[in-house]
Amino acid sequence: MSQPSEPVSVTILEKIYQFACEPDQRNDLVEAARQLDETMTAIKDSGRLMSLERIALQAALNFSAEVVKMQRNEHIRVEKIDRKIRMLADQLDDALKD
């Protein structure tokens, strides 16, 4: 059974936004908002992009690129682990045959 949603206030680019989330997700939402605020502030401070929409899009693209990179790295890691497991299983099979 899910917990009832509760309001959470976060500040992004000096503006307060209200979101509803379950109590056990509150800390993650606050941390995500903090990271988004830092990213959007850095983009704004760079002076290259001025509109809020463009700043938000650039931040979203930055985060999306990070997710894609993490997914690619996870796939590579899983493949390495699978190869290692197969190698160890083959070694175990060979040892049991002797």
C-alpha atoms as a PDB file:
ATOM      1  CA  MET A   1       0.000   0.000   0.000  1.00  0.00           C
ATOM      2  CA  SER A   2       1.464   3.346  -0.990  1.00  0.00           C
ATOM      3  CA  GLN A   3       1.871   6.180   1.437  1.00  0.00           C
ATOM      4  CA  PRO A   4      -0.148   9.369   0.948  1.00  0.00           C
ATOM      5  CA  SER A   5       1.592  12.112  -1.004  1.00  0.00           C
ATOM      6  CA  GLU A   6       2.891  15.111   0.833  1.00  0.00           C
ATOM      7  CA  PRO A   7       3.870  18.543  -0.494  1.00  0.00           C
ATOM      8  CA  VAL A   8       7.561  19.300  -0.916  1.00  0.00           C
ATOM      9  CA  SER A   9       8.977  22.737  -1.724  1.00  0.00           C
ATOM     10  CA  VAL A  10      12.192  23.058  -3.701  1.00  0.00           C
ATOM     11  CA  THR A  11      14.026  26.076  -5.050  1.00  0.00           C
ATOM     12  CA  ILE A  12      15.318  26.090  -8.614  1.00  0.00           C
ATOM     13  CA  LEU A  13      16.903  29.245 -10.042  1.00  0.00           C
ATOM     14  CA  GLU A  14      15.691  31.246  -7.048  1.00  0.00           C
ATOM     15  CA  LYS A  15      12.063  30.249  -7.656  1.00  0.00           C
ATOM     16  CA  ILE A  16      10.109  28.005  -5.284  1.00  0.00           C
ATOM     17  CA  TYR A  17       8.215  25.056  -6.745  1.00  0.00           C
ATOM     18  CA  GLN A  18       5.808  22.719  -4.956  1.00  0.00           C
ATOM     19  CA  PHE A  19       5.663  19.021  -5.771  1.00  0.00           C
ATOM     20  CA  ALA A  20       3.790  16.133  -4.232  1.00  0.00           C
ATOM     21  CA  CYS A  21       5.620  12.915  -3.468  1.00  0.00           C
ATOM     22  CA  GLU A  22       5.491   9.984  -1.111  1.00  0.00           C
ATOM     23  CA  PRO A  23       7.368  10.545   2.165  1.00  0.00           C
ATOM     24  CA  ASP A  24       9.969   7.870   1.389  1.00  0.00           C
ATOM     25  CA  GLN A  25      10.833   9.663  -1.881  1.00  0.00           C
ATOM     26  CA  ARG A  26      11.189  13.112  -0.331  1.00  0.00           C
ATOM     27  CA  ASN A  27      14.973  13.037   0.135  1.00  0.00           C
ATOM     28  CA  ASP A  28      15.530  11.861  -3.443  1.00  0.00           C
ATOM     29  CA  LEU A  29      13.303  14.641  -4.802  1.00  0.00           C
ATOM     30  CA  VAL A  30      15.076  17.291  -2.730  1.00  0.00           C
ATOM     31  CA  GLU A  31      18.501  16.005  -3.839  1.00  0.00           C
ATOM     32  CA  ALA A  32      17.425  15.881  -7.490  1.00  0.00           C
ATOM     33  CA  ALA A  33      16.132  19.446  -7.245  1.00  0.00           C
ATOM     34  CA  ARG A  34      19.396  20.572  -5.637  1.00  0.00           C
ATOM     35  CA  GLN A  35      21.429  19.016  -8.464  1.00  0.00           C
ATOM     36  CA  LEU A  36      19.114  20.520 -11.078  1.00  0.00           C
ATOM     37  CA  ASP A  37      19.402  23.938  -9.454  1.00  0.00           C
ATOM     38  CA  GLU A  38      23.206  23.693  -9.442  1.00  0.00           C
ATOM     39  CA  THR A  39      23.295  22.628 -13.090  1.00  0.00           C
ATOM     40  CA  MET A  40      20.836  25.277 -14.241  1.00  0.00           C
ATOM     41  CA  THR A  41      22.616  27.984 -12.233  1.00  0.00           C
ATOM     42  CA  ALA A  42      25.961  27.040 -13.804  1.00  0.00           C
ATOM     43  CA  ILE A  43      24.425  27.178 -17.286  1.00  0.00           C
ATOM     44  CA  LYS A  44      22.779  30.528 -16.542  1.00  0.00           C
ATOM     45  CA  ASP A  45      26.002  31.926 -15.085  1.00  0.00           C
ATOM     46  CA  SER A  46      27.950  30.892 -18.185  1.00  0.00           C
ATOM     47  CA  GLY A  47      26.064  33.655 -19.999  1.00  0.00           C
ATOM     48  CA  ARG A  48      25.534  31.603 -23.146  1.00  0.00           C
ATOM     49  CA  LEU A  49      21.851  30.802 -22.657  1.00  0.00           C
ATOM     50  CA  MET A  50      19.426  33.290 -21.235  1.00  0.00           C
ATOM     51  CA  SER A  51      15.853  31.991 -21.486  1.00  0.00           C
ATOM     52  CA  LEU A  52      14.607  29.678 -18.773  1.00  0.00           C
ATOM     53  CA  GLU A  53      13.392  27.222 -21.400  1.00  0.00           C
ATOM     54  CA  ARG A  54      16.822  26.960 -23.049  1.00  0.00           C
ATOM     55  CA  ILE A  55      18.547  26.633 -19.680  1.00  0.00           C
ATOM     56  CA  ALA A  56      16.138  23.835 -18.700  1.00  0.00           C
ATOM     57  CA  LEU A  57      16.639  22.071 -22.055  1.00  0.00           C
ATOM     58  CA  GLN A  58      20.426  22.257 -21.742  1.00  0.00           C
ATOM     59  CA  ALA A  59      20.251  20.876 -18.191  1.00  0.00           C
ATOM     60  CA  ALA A  60      17.940  18.065 -19.357  1.00  0.00           C
ATOM     61  CA  LEU A  61      20.333  17.209 -22.202  1.00  0.00           C
ATOM     62  CA  ASN A  62      23.277  17.189 -19.785  1.00  0.00           C
ATOM     63  CA  PHE A  63      21.474  14.810 -17.435  1.00  0.00           C
ATOM     64  CA  SER A  64      20.277  12.639 -20.333  1.00  0.00           C
ATOM     65  CA  ALA A  65      23.832  12.356 -21.640  1.00  0.00           C
ATOM     66  CA  GLU A  66      24.968  11.242 -18.181  1.00  0.00           C
ATOM     67  CA  VAL A  67      22.219   8.594 -18.072  1.00  0.00           C
ATOM     68  CA  VAL A  68      23.179   7.282 -21.528  1.00  0.00           C
ATOM     69  CA  LYS A  69      26.833   7.075 -20.486  1.00  0.00           C
ATOM     70  CA  MET A  70      25.923   5.268 -17.243  1.00  0.00           C
ATOM     71  CA  GLN A  71      23.710   2.809 -19.134  1.00  0.00           C
ATOM     72  CA  ARG A  72      26.501   2.097 -21.614  1.00  0.00           C
ATOM     73  CA  ASN A  73      28.994   1.573 -18.789  1.00  0.00           C
ATOM     74  CA  GLU A  74      26.534  -0.705 -16.964  1.00  0.00           C
ATOM     75  CA  HIS A  75      26.061  -2.799 -20.109  1.00  0.00           C
ATOM     76  CA  ILE A  76      29.833  -3.177 -20.495  1.00  0.00           C
ATOM     77  CA  ARG A  77      30.169  -4.076 -16.797  1.00  0.00           C
ATOM     78  CA  VAL A  78      27.442  -6.732 -17.046  1.00  0.00           C
ATOM     79  CA  GLU A  79      29.093  -8.243 -20.135  1.00  0.00           C
ATOM     80  CA  LYS A  80      32.447  -8.445 -18.306  1.00  0.00           C
ATOM     81  CA  ILE A  81      30.816 -10.078 -15.282  1.00  0.00           C
ATOM     82  CA  ASP A  82      28.951 -12.565 -17.497  1.00  0.00           C
ATOM     83  CA  ARG A  83      32.212 -13.496 -19.274  1.00  0.00           C
ATOM     84  CA  LYS A  84      33.948 -13.959 -15.942  1.00  0.00           C
ATOM     85  CA  ILE A  85      31.122 -16.152 -14.616  1.00  0.00           C
ATOM     86  CA  ARG A  86      31.214 -18.296 -17.772  1.00  0.00           C
ATOM     87  CA  MET A  87      34.989 -18.635 -17.478  1.00  0.00           C
ATOM     88  CA  LEU A  88      34.754 -19.637 -13.803  1.00  0.00           C
ATOM     89  CA  ALA A  89      31.954 -22.107 -14.565  1.00  0.00           C
ATOM     90  CA  ASP A  90      34.076 -23.659 -17.334  1.00  0.00           C
ATOM     91  CA  GLN A  91      37.045 -23.904 -14.970  1.00  0.00           C
ATOM     92  CA  LEU A  92      34.826 -25.518 -12.339  1.00  0.00           C
ATOM     93  CA  ASP A  93      33.470 -28.002 -14.893  1.00  0.00           C
ATOM     94  CA  ASP A  94      37.011 -28.869 -15.995  1.00  0.00           C
ATOM     95  CA  ALA A  95      38.141 -29.338 -12.396  1.00  0.00           C
ATOM     96  CA  LEU A  96      35.185 -31.611 -11.627  1.00  0.00           C
ATOM     97  CA  LYS A  97      35.892 -33.749 -14.706  1.00  0.00           C
ATOM     98  CA  ASP A  98      39.388 -34.573 -13.451  1.00  0.00           C
END
